[in-house]
Amino acid sequence: MIERTADFFLDIDYYQHCKHKQNIAGDVFMTHKIKEENRVIAVLSDGLGSGVKASVLATLTATMAIKYISNYMDVRETAEVIMDTLPVCSERKISYSTFTIVDINNAGHARVIEHGNPPYVLLRGGESVPVEKTPIHLDRWQDREVEFSEFDVQVGDRILYFSDGVSQAGMGRKDFPIGWGRKNVIKQVQKWIAWQKSISSRQLATKTVIRARQIDDYAPKDDITCGVMYMRHPRLLLVVTGPPFSESKDAELAQLVSSFTGQKIICGGTTASIIGRELDRDIDMDLDSIDPEIPPPSRMEGVDLITEGTLTLSKVSEILEKGQNPESMRPNAATAMASILLESDVIFFVVGTRVNEAHQDPNLPIELDIRRNIIKKITSLLEEKYLKETHRRFI
């Protein structure tokens, strides 16, 4: 049995592109999930300028913000501590780093603190909804604007926030003399949502950054970062890898795959053969997807993707660990699987424990250990880096 999960899920992701001729972004997007409270904090910080110095200051800002907000420090006190810690540019008299902090608890109540970034956007039913904001007056920083707002997030709501590399993209062009602008960003995002109502946070953030880069004639004058939070019904995924320890469990595994209501991935030729045999379904290799490094995928009725086993899983782990965008890589079974994982919210891994006798000495079940370790690493990455919910079951 696959255990029932929550009715709603907070899908969070971001996309980023560095300033032209820079290798390190001065914008930082950082997330933190407090599992025991089912609470998520996400911070976008923009360090003044670009490059390493900006990145260090933005990272410091985001780290402090998460630390203080996660411990329920008072909003005003949090803002003051961050402001006191960061230096001020002697020429421009502005903070060396901006921040947008979003804290959403298990009841869907959101608190937002903003300083210096373009105002965030709350999209409800595809429309931009105004949110009442309260200025925070800081005794030592009278000339620096900090705003606080709070609201209850509804299913279907999206919170969109971005650095000024998005809103100021194209500044100086005849069609965008003062940049793309927040209003134009909202209009474009609304069009994308109208075309694809269930568009994920990852896809929406990516489209926004790519469009800003296009407006900047592919030579951005600043770092471009966009983050999106989307409250939606969870997208479920089942990943099955390895045959069951006992052949008597083969039918149970096949029934698990057949009855699952979300997307399905099978990793491993032996595993796929067992499920195909039990369900009386044919397996066809996709010879149009030949890759020099990764074995080609296969197809089966009712299954979204069938891949080879440990080699493909190892590549998927590498993609997730490096934070690569699978859509921008050479298409193969590993990038296809990574893309499905990133588009899913709640992922169930069913790991068979039968030793593949063709792969190792029967006295040393290395292949089983490798499979378990790779799945353990993938689940850890999905939980900690991508804030997914994962479940593991051994059979």
Protein backbone atom coordinates (compact mmCIF):
# COMPACT_ATOMS: atom_id res chain seq x y z
CA MET A 1 0.00 0.00 0.00
CA ILE A 2 1.08 3.57 -0.70
CA GLU A 3 0.30 5.77 2.29
CA ARG A 4 -1.98 8.75 1.81
CA THR A 5 -0.27 12.12 1.70
CA ALA A 6 -1.44 15.65 2.49
CA ASP A 7 -4.11 17.25 0.30
CA PHE A 8 -1.95 20.26 -0.55
CA PHE A 9 1.70 20.88 -1.29
CA LEU A 10 3.85 24.02 -1.51
CA ASP A 11 5.85 23.83 -4.72
CA ILE A 12 8.96 26.06 -4.45
CA ASP A 13 11.68 26.63 -7.00
CA TYR A 14 13.75 29.33 -8.65
CA TYR A 15 15.87 30.00 -11.71
CA GLN A 16 18.86 32.27 -12.11
CA HIS A 17 21.28 33.67 -14.67
CA CYS A 18 24.47 35.57 -13.92
CA LYS A 19 25.35 39.03 -15.14
CA HIS A 20 27.10 39.04 -18.53
CA LYS A 21 30.71 37.81 -18.23
CA GLN A 22 30.25 36.82 -14.57
CA ASN A 23 30.52 33.23 -13.34
CA ILE A 24 29.09 33.81 -9.85
CA ALA A 25 25.69 35.35 -9.18
CA GLY A 26 25.35 38.14 -6.63
CA ASP A 27 21.74 37.06 -6.06
CA VAL A 28 21.04 34.21 -3.64
CA PHE A 29 17.82 32.20 -3.32
CA MET A 30 17.82 30.05 -0.19
CA THR A 31 15.16 27.76 1.26
CA HIS A 32 14.72 25.97 4.58
CA LYS A 33 12.09 23.41 5.52
CA ILE A 34 11.29 22.71 9.16
CA LYS A 35 9.81 19.22 8.82
CA GLU A 36 8.50 18.88 12.37
CA GLU A 37 6.48 22.09 11.90
CA ASN A 38 5.71 21.52 8.20
CA ARG A 39 6.93 25.07 7.69
CA VAL A 40 8.93 26.56 4.82
CA ILE A 41 11.08 29.70 4.66
CA ALA A 42 12.42 31.06 1.37
CA VAL A 43 14.69 34.08 0.99
CA LEU A 44 15.78 36.05 -2.06
CA SER A 45 18.74 38.33 -1.39
CA ASP A 46 20.47 40.61 -3.92
CA GLY A 47 23.99 41.69 -3.05
CA LEU A 48 25.01 45.15 -4.25
CA GLY A 49 26.92 44.90 -7.51
CA SER A 50 27.86 41.48 -8.84
CA GLY A 51 30.38 38.70 -8.52
CA VAL A 52 31.98 37.17 -5.45
CA LYS A 53 31.58 40.13 -3.07
CA ALA A 54 27.89 40.49 -3.85
CA SER A 55 27.40 36.73 -3.51
CA VAL A 56 29.05 36.64 -0.07
CA LEU A 57 26.91 39.49 1.25
CA ALA A 58 23.71 38.05 -0.22
CA THR A 59 24.52 34.63 1.27
CA LEU A 60 25.16 36.22 4.67
CA THR A 61 21.83 38.04 4.47
CA ALA A 62 19.84 34.96 3.45
CA THR A 63 21.50 32.79 6.11
CA MET A 64 20.75 35.29 8.89
CA ALA A 65 17.18 35.72 7.69
CA ILE A 66 16.47 31.98 7.78
CA LYS A 67 18.12 31.58 11.19
CA TYR A 68 16.16 34.37 12.87
CA ILE A 69 12.80 33.79 11.20
CA SER A 70 12.91 30.02 11.82
CA ASN A 71 13.33 30.78 15.54
CA TYR A 72 10.30 33.10 15.49
CA MET A 73 12.34 36.22 16.20
CA ASP A 74 10.24 39.39 16.07
CA VAL A 75 9.96 40.80 12.54
CA ARG A 76 11.26 44.23 13.51
CA GLU A 77 14.14 42.73 15.47
CA THR A 78 15.03 40.44 12.57
CA ALA A 79 15.15 43.37 10.15
CA GLU A 80 17.25 45.45 12.55
CA VAL A 81 19.79 42.69 13.16
CA ILE A 82 20.24 42.12 9.43
CA MET A 83 20.51 45.86 8.73
CA ASP A 84 22.99 46.37 11.56
CA THR A 85 25.16 43.54 10.30
CA LEU A 86 25.31 44.62 6.67
CA PRO A 87 27.49 47.57 5.63
CA VAL A 88 26.12 50.57 3.75
CA CYS A 89 27.58 51.77 0.46
CA SER A 90 29.43 55.02 1.24
CA GLU A 91 28.59 56.56 -2.13
CA ARG A 92 25.03 55.40 -2.81
CA LYS A 93 23.95 55.30 0.87
CA ILE A 94 22.07 52.04 0.34
CA SER A 95 22.36 48.62 1.91
CA TYR A 96 24.90 46.22 0.50
CA SER A 97 22.17 43.59 0.24
CA THR A 98 18.40 43.50 -0.21
CA PHE A 99 16.04 40.76 0.92
CA THR A 100 12.58 39.27 0.50
CA ILE A 101 11.72 36.74 3.21
CA VAL A 102 8.66 34.49 2.88
CA ASP A 103 7.63 32.26 5.81
CA ILE A 104 4.66 29.90 5.31
CA ASN A 105 3.43 27.66 8.13
CA ASN A 106 1.47 24.40 8.08
CA ALA A 107 -1.85 26.27 8.12
CA GLY A 108 -0.91 28.17 4.96
CA HIS A 109 -0.37 31.47 6.75
CA ALA A 110 2.32 33.54 5.04
CA ARG A 111 4.50 36.29 6.51
CA VAL A 112 6.62 38.41 4.17
CA ILE A 113 9.38 40.90 5.01
CA GLU A 114 10.78 43.04 2.18
CA HIS A 115 13.67 45.43 1.82
CA GLY A 116 15.02 46.79 -1.44
CA ASN A 117 13.79 44.15 -3.90
CA PRO A 118 10.92 44.71 -6.36
CA PRO A 119 7.63 44.08 -4.50
CA TYR A 120 6.51 40.47 -4.58
CA VAL A 121 3.42 39.45 -6.54
CA LEU A 122 0.52 37.39 -5.16
CA LEU A 123 -1.34 35.68 -8.00
CA ARG A 124 -4.78 34.24 -7.22
CA GLY A 125 -6.88 32.76 -9.99
CA GLY A 126 -4.28 34.08 -12.41
CA GLU A 127 -4.85 37.66 -11.28
CA SER A 128 -2.51 39.90 -9.29
CA VAL A 129 -4.04 40.49 -5.85
CA PRO A 130 -3.11 43.60 -3.83
CA VAL A 131 -1.76 42.87 -0.36
CA GLU A 132 -1.84 45.35 2.50
CA LYS A 133 1.70 46.10 3.69
CA THR A 134 2.83 47.66 6.95
CA PRO A 135 5.97 49.82 7.02
CA ILE A 136 8.44 48.75 9.71
CA HIS A 137 10.04 51.78 11.34
CA LEU A 138 13.55 51.06 12.53
CA ASP A 139 14.99 53.50 15.06
CA ARG A 140 18.50 53.38 13.66
CA TRP A 141 17.50 53.17 9.99
CA GLN A 142 14.85 55.83 9.43
CA ASP A 143 15.79 56.27 5.76
CA ARG A 144 15.60 52.60 4.78
CA GLU A 145 12.27 51.06 3.82
CA VAL A 146 11.24 47.71 5.27
CA GLU A 147 7.71 46.37 4.78
CA PHE A 148 5.80 43.54 6.42
CA SER A 149 2.70 41.75 5.16
CA GLU A 150 0.79 38.60 6.03
CA PHE A 151 -2.04 36.65 4.45
CA ASP A 152 -3.50 33.16 4.16
CA VAL A 153 -2.39 31.24 1.09
CA GLN A 154 -5.18 29.53 -0.85
CA VAL A 155 -4.90 26.49 -3.11
CA GLY A 156 -3.87 27.71 -6.56
CA ASP A 157 -2.10 30.81 -5.21
CA ARG A 158 1.36 31.70 -6.46
CA ILE A 159 3.87 34.03 -4.83
CA LEU A 160 6.30 35.43 -7.38
CA TYR A 161 9.35 37.43 -6.40
CA PHE A 162 12.44 38.48 -8.29
CA SER A 163 15.56 40.62 -8.22
CA ASP A 164 15.78 43.92 -10.08
CA GLY A 165 17.67 42.08 -12.82
CA VAL A 166 14.21 40.98 -13.96
CA SER A 167 12.27 44.25 -13.63
CA GLN A 168 15.14 46.37 -15.03
CA ALA A 169 15.95 44.05 -17.93
CA GLY A 170 16.34 45.91 -21.22
CA MET A 171 16.70 49.32 -19.57
CA GLY A 172 17.62 51.91 -22.19
CA ARG A 173 15.96 50.14 -25.10
CA LYS A 174 13.39 52.09 -27.09
CA ASP A 175 10.63 49.64 -26.17
CA PHE A 176 11.76 49.41 -22.52
CA PRO A 177 13.35 52.78 -21.64
CA ILE A 178 13.08 52.12 -17.89
CA GLY A 179 13.29 48.35 -18.11
CA TRP A 180 10.83 45.49 -18.51
CA GLY A 181 8.98 46.70 -15.40
CA ARG A 182 7.02 44.89 -12.73
CA LYS A 183 3.65 45.44 -14.47
CA ASN A 184 4.93 43.93 -17.72
CA VAL A 185 6.43 40.99 -15.83
CA ILE A 186 3.03 40.33 -14.24
CA LYS A 187 1.24 40.53 -17.60
CA GLN A 188 3.64 38.05 -19.16
CA VAL A 189 3.39 35.63 -16.23
CA GLN A 190 -0.41 35.82 -16.39
CA LYS A 191 -0.26 34.82 -20.08
CA TRP A 192 1.89 31.79 -19.28
CA ILE A 193 -0.49 30.72 -16.52
CA ALA A 194 -3.49 31.17 -18.84
CA TRP A 195 -1.81 28.92 -21.41
CA GLN A 196 -0.76 26.32 -18.83
CA LYS A 197 -2.84 26.60 -15.67
CA SER A 198 -0.84 23.99 -13.75
CA ILE A 199 2.59 25.31 -14.74
CA SER A 200 5.10 24.42 -12.03
CA SER A 201 7.19 26.87 -10.03
CA ARG A 202 10.32 25.62 -11.76
CA GLN A 203 8.86 26.17 -15.23
CA LEU A 204 7.43 29.59 -14.40
CA ALA A 205 10.65 30.86 -12.79
CA THR A 206 12.69 29.54 -15.72
CA LYS A 207 10.45 31.20 -18.31
CA THR A 208 10.63 34.52 -16.45
CA VAL A 209 14.43 34.54 -16.28
CA ILE A 210 14.84 33.42 -19.90
CA ARG A 211 12.47 36.17 -21.06
CA ALA A 212 14.34 38.81 -19.01
CA ARG A 213 17.60 37.63 -20.55
CA GLN A 214 16.08 37.89 -24.04
CA ILE A 215 14.99 41.47 -23.30
CA ASP A 216 18.58 42.17 -22.19
CA ASP A 217 19.75 40.97 -25.63
CA TYR A 218 21.38 37.93 -23.98
CA ALA A 219 23.95 40.14 -22.26
CA PRO A 220 22.33 40.86 -18.85
CA LYS A 221 23.54 43.99 -17.11
CA ASP A 222 22.72 42.45 -13.72
CA ASP A 223 22.11 39.05 -12.15
CA ILE A 224 18.63 37.75 -12.95
CA THR A 225 16.78 35.66 -10.36
CA CYS A 226 13.13 34.65 -9.99
CA GLY A 227 11.56 32.51 -7.26
CA VAL A 228 8.04 31.07 -7.24
CA MET A 229 5.95 29.45 -4.49
CA TYR A 230 2.82 27.61 -5.66
CA MET A 231 0.20 26.02 -3.37
CA ARG A 232 -1.26 23.08 -5.28
CA HIS A 233 -2.64 19.57 -5.00
CA PRO A 234 0.44 17.34 -4.78
CA ARG A 235 1.79 15.70 -7.92
CA LEU A 236 2.52 12.08 -7.03
CA LEU A 237 5.27 9.91 -8.47
CA LEU A 238 6.14 6.24 -7.95
CA VAL A 239 9.70 5.06 -8.65
CA VAL A 240 10.26 1.29 -8.62
CA THR A 241 13.78 -0.14 -8.83
CA GLY A 242 15.01 -3.68 -8.30
CA PRO A 243 13.07 -6.96 -8.12
CA PRO A 244 11.48 -8.06 -4.82
CA PHE A 245 13.54 -10.25 -2.48
CA SER A 246 11.09 -13.12 -2.96
CA GLU A 247 9.50 -14.07 -6.28
CA SER A 248 6.24 -14.48 -4.37
CA LYS A 249 6.17 -10.66 -4.12
CA ASP A 250 6.37 -10.11 -7.90
CA ALA A 251 2.59 -9.93 -8.31
CA GLU A 252 2.31 -7.54 -5.36
CA LEU A 253 4.88 -5.21 -6.93
CA ALA A 254 3.08 -5.27 -10.28
CA GLN A 255 -0.25 -4.51 -8.62
CA LEU A 256 1.37 -1.60 -6.77
CA VAL A 257 2.45 -0.12 -10.10
CA SER A 258 -0.88 -0.81 -11.79
CA SER A 259 -3.00 0.77 -9.04
CA PHE A 260 -0.87 3.88 -8.42
CA THR A 261 -2.71 7.06 -9.47
CA GLY A 262 0.26 9.35 -10.23
CA GLN A 263 3.19 9.15 -12.63
CA LYS A 264 5.31 5.99 -12.67
CA ILE A 265 8.97 5.25 -13.37
CA ILE A 266 10.56 1.80 -13.47
CA CYS A 267 14.37 1.62 -13.14
CA GLY A 268 16.00 -1.62 -14.21
CA GLY A 269 15.44 -4.12 -17.00
CA THR A 270 14.75 -7.06 -14.68
CA THR A 271 12.24 -5.03 -12.68
CA ALA A 272 10.46 -3.92 -15.86
CA SER A 273 10.36 -7.52 -17.16
CA ILE A 274 8.75 -8.74 -13.93
CA ILE A 275 6.07 -6.04 -14.02
CA GLY A 276 5.47 -6.55 -17.75
CA ARG A 277 5.08 -10.31 -17.24
CA GLU A 278 2.72 -9.96 -14.27
CA LEU A 279 0.55 -7.34 -16.01
CA ASP A 280 0.81 -9.01 -19.43
CA ARG A 281 2.17 -5.85 -21.04
CA ASP A 282 4.79 -5.54 -23.77
CA ILE A 283 8.03 -3.57 -23.33
CA ASP A 284 9.46 -1.70 -26.33
CA MET A 285 12.89 -0.07 -26.38
CA ASP A 286 12.95 3.55 -27.57
CA LEU A 287 15.60 3.38 -30.29
CA ASP A 288 15.08 7.06 -31.08
CA SER A 289 16.77 8.00 -27.79
CA ILE A 290 20.23 6.49 -28.22
CA ASP A 291 22.85 8.16 -26.00
CA PRO A 292 26.61 7.44 -25.80
CA GLU A 293 26.58 7.36 -21.97
CA ILE A 294 23.11 6.36 -20.77
CA PRO A 295 21.20 3.25 -21.94
CA PRO A 296 18.03 4.09 -23.87
CA PRO A 297 14.62 4.17 -22.18
CA SER A 298 11.80 1.74 -22.90
CA ARG A 299 8.04 2.01 -23.07
CA MET A 300 5.19 0.11 -21.44
CA GLU A 301 1.48 0.84 -21.35
CA GLY A 302 0.58 2.70 -18.14
CA VAL A 303 4.17 3.61 -17.23
CA ASP A 304 5.63 7.06 -17.91
CA LEU A 305 9.29 6.03 -18.14
CA ILE A 306 11.37 2.85 -18.02
CA THR A 307 15.14 3.18 -17.61
CA GLU A 308 18.18 1.01 -16.98
CA GLY A 309 19.08 0.67 -13.30
CA THR A 310 22.10 1.86 -11.33
CA LEU A 311 23.93 3.67 -14.16
CA THR A 312 20.91 5.86 -14.90
CA LEU A 313 20.16 6.42 -11.21
CA SER A 314 23.76 7.51 -10.62
CA LYS A 315 23.47 10.09 -13.40
CA VAL A 316 20.16 11.33 -11.98
CA SER A 317 21.83 11.75 -8.59
CA GLU A 318 24.63 13.77 -10.22
CA ILE A 319 22.15 16.07 -12.01
CA LEU A 320 20.27 16.75 -8.77
CA GLU A 321 23.43 17.28 -6.73
CA LYS A 322 24.87 19.79 -9.22
CA GLY A 323 21.56 21.62 -9.52
CA GLN A 324 21.58 21.24 -13.30
CA ASN A 325 18.56 21.98 -15.47
CA PRO A 326 17.77 18.66 -17.20
CA GLU A 327 15.88 20.43 -19.99
CA SER A 328 19.07 22.24 -21.04
CA MET A 329 21.11 19.00 -21.21
CA ARG A 330 21.41 16.37 -23.93
CA PRO A 331 18.15 14.40 -23.72
CA ASN A 332 18.42 10.84 -22.44
CA ALA A 333 16.77 8.55 -19.89
CA ALA A 334 18.55 10.22 -16.95
CA THR A 335 17.54 13.78 -17.88
CA ALA A 336 13.98 12.60 -18.52
CA MET A 337 13.84 10.99 -15.07
CA ALA A 338 15.40 14.03 -13.37
CA SER A 339 12.83 16.29 -15.03
CA ILE A 340 9.92 14.13 -13.82
CA LEU A 341 11.36 14.07 -10.28
CA LEU A 342 11.68 17.86 -10.21
CA GLU A 343 8.12 18.33 -11.50
CA SER A 344 6.71 16.02 -8.80
CA ASP A 345 5.89 16.89 -5.19
CA VAL A 346 5.49 13.62 -3.31
CA ILE A 347 7.69 10.75 -4.47
CA PHE A 348 7.38 7.12 -3.38
CA PHE A 349 10.43 4.88 -3.88
CA VAL A 350 9.90 1.12 -3.82
CA VAL A 351 13.27 -0.64 -3.72
CA GLY A 352 13.57 -4.35 -4.44
CA THR A 353 16.08 -6.28 -2.35
CA ARG A 354 16.76 -9.28 -4.58
CA VAL A 355 20.44 -9.53 -5.56
CA ASN A 356 21.15 -9.41 -9.29
CA GLU A 357 23.26 -12.55 -9.69
CA ALA A 358 24.68 -11.39 -13.02
CA HIS A 359 26.34 -8.34 -11.47
CA GLN A 360 28.37 -9.57 -8.52
CA ASP A 361 29.68 -12.34 -6.30
CA PRO A 362 26.65 -13.87 -4.51
CA ASN A 363 28.62 -13.70 -1.26
CA LEU A 364 28.96 -9.92 -1.55
CA PRO A 365 25.70 -8.19 -2.54
CA ILE A 366 27.42 -5.01 -3.74
CA GLU A 367 24.83 -4.18 -6.36
CA LEU A 368 22.06 -4.13 -3.77
CA ASP A 369 24.09 -1.82 -1.55
CA ILE A 370 24.80 0.47 -4.51
CA ARG A 371 21.09 0.64 -5.36
CA ARG A 372 20.13 1.38 -1.77
CA ASN A 373 22.83 4.04 -1.39
CA ILE A 374 21.92 5.80 -4.63
CA ILE A 375 18.24 5.90 -3.68
CA LYS A 376 19.17 7.16 -0.22
CA LYS A 377 21.24 9.95 -1.77
CA ILE A 378 18.53 10.87 -4.27
CA THR A 379 15.85 11.04 -1.56
CA SER A 380 18.11 13.20 0.63
CA LEU A 381 18.74 15.61 -2.25
CA LEU A 382 15.04 15.79 -3.09
CA GLU A 383 14.11 16.45 0.54
CA GLU A 384 16.86 18.90 1.50
CA LYS A 385 17.72 20.71 -1.73
CA TYR A 386 14.39 20.64 -3.56
CA LEU A 387 11.96 20.46 -0.59
CA LYS A 388 10.13 17.42 -1.94
CA GLU A 389 8.33 14.89 0.24
CA THR A 390 9.74 11.39 -0.18
CA HIS A 391 8.87 7.92 1.10
CA ARG A 392 10.97 4.74 0.84
CA ARG A 393 9.81 1.14 1.03
CA PHE A 394 11.92 -1.99 0.64
CA ILE A 395 10.32 -5.11 -0.77
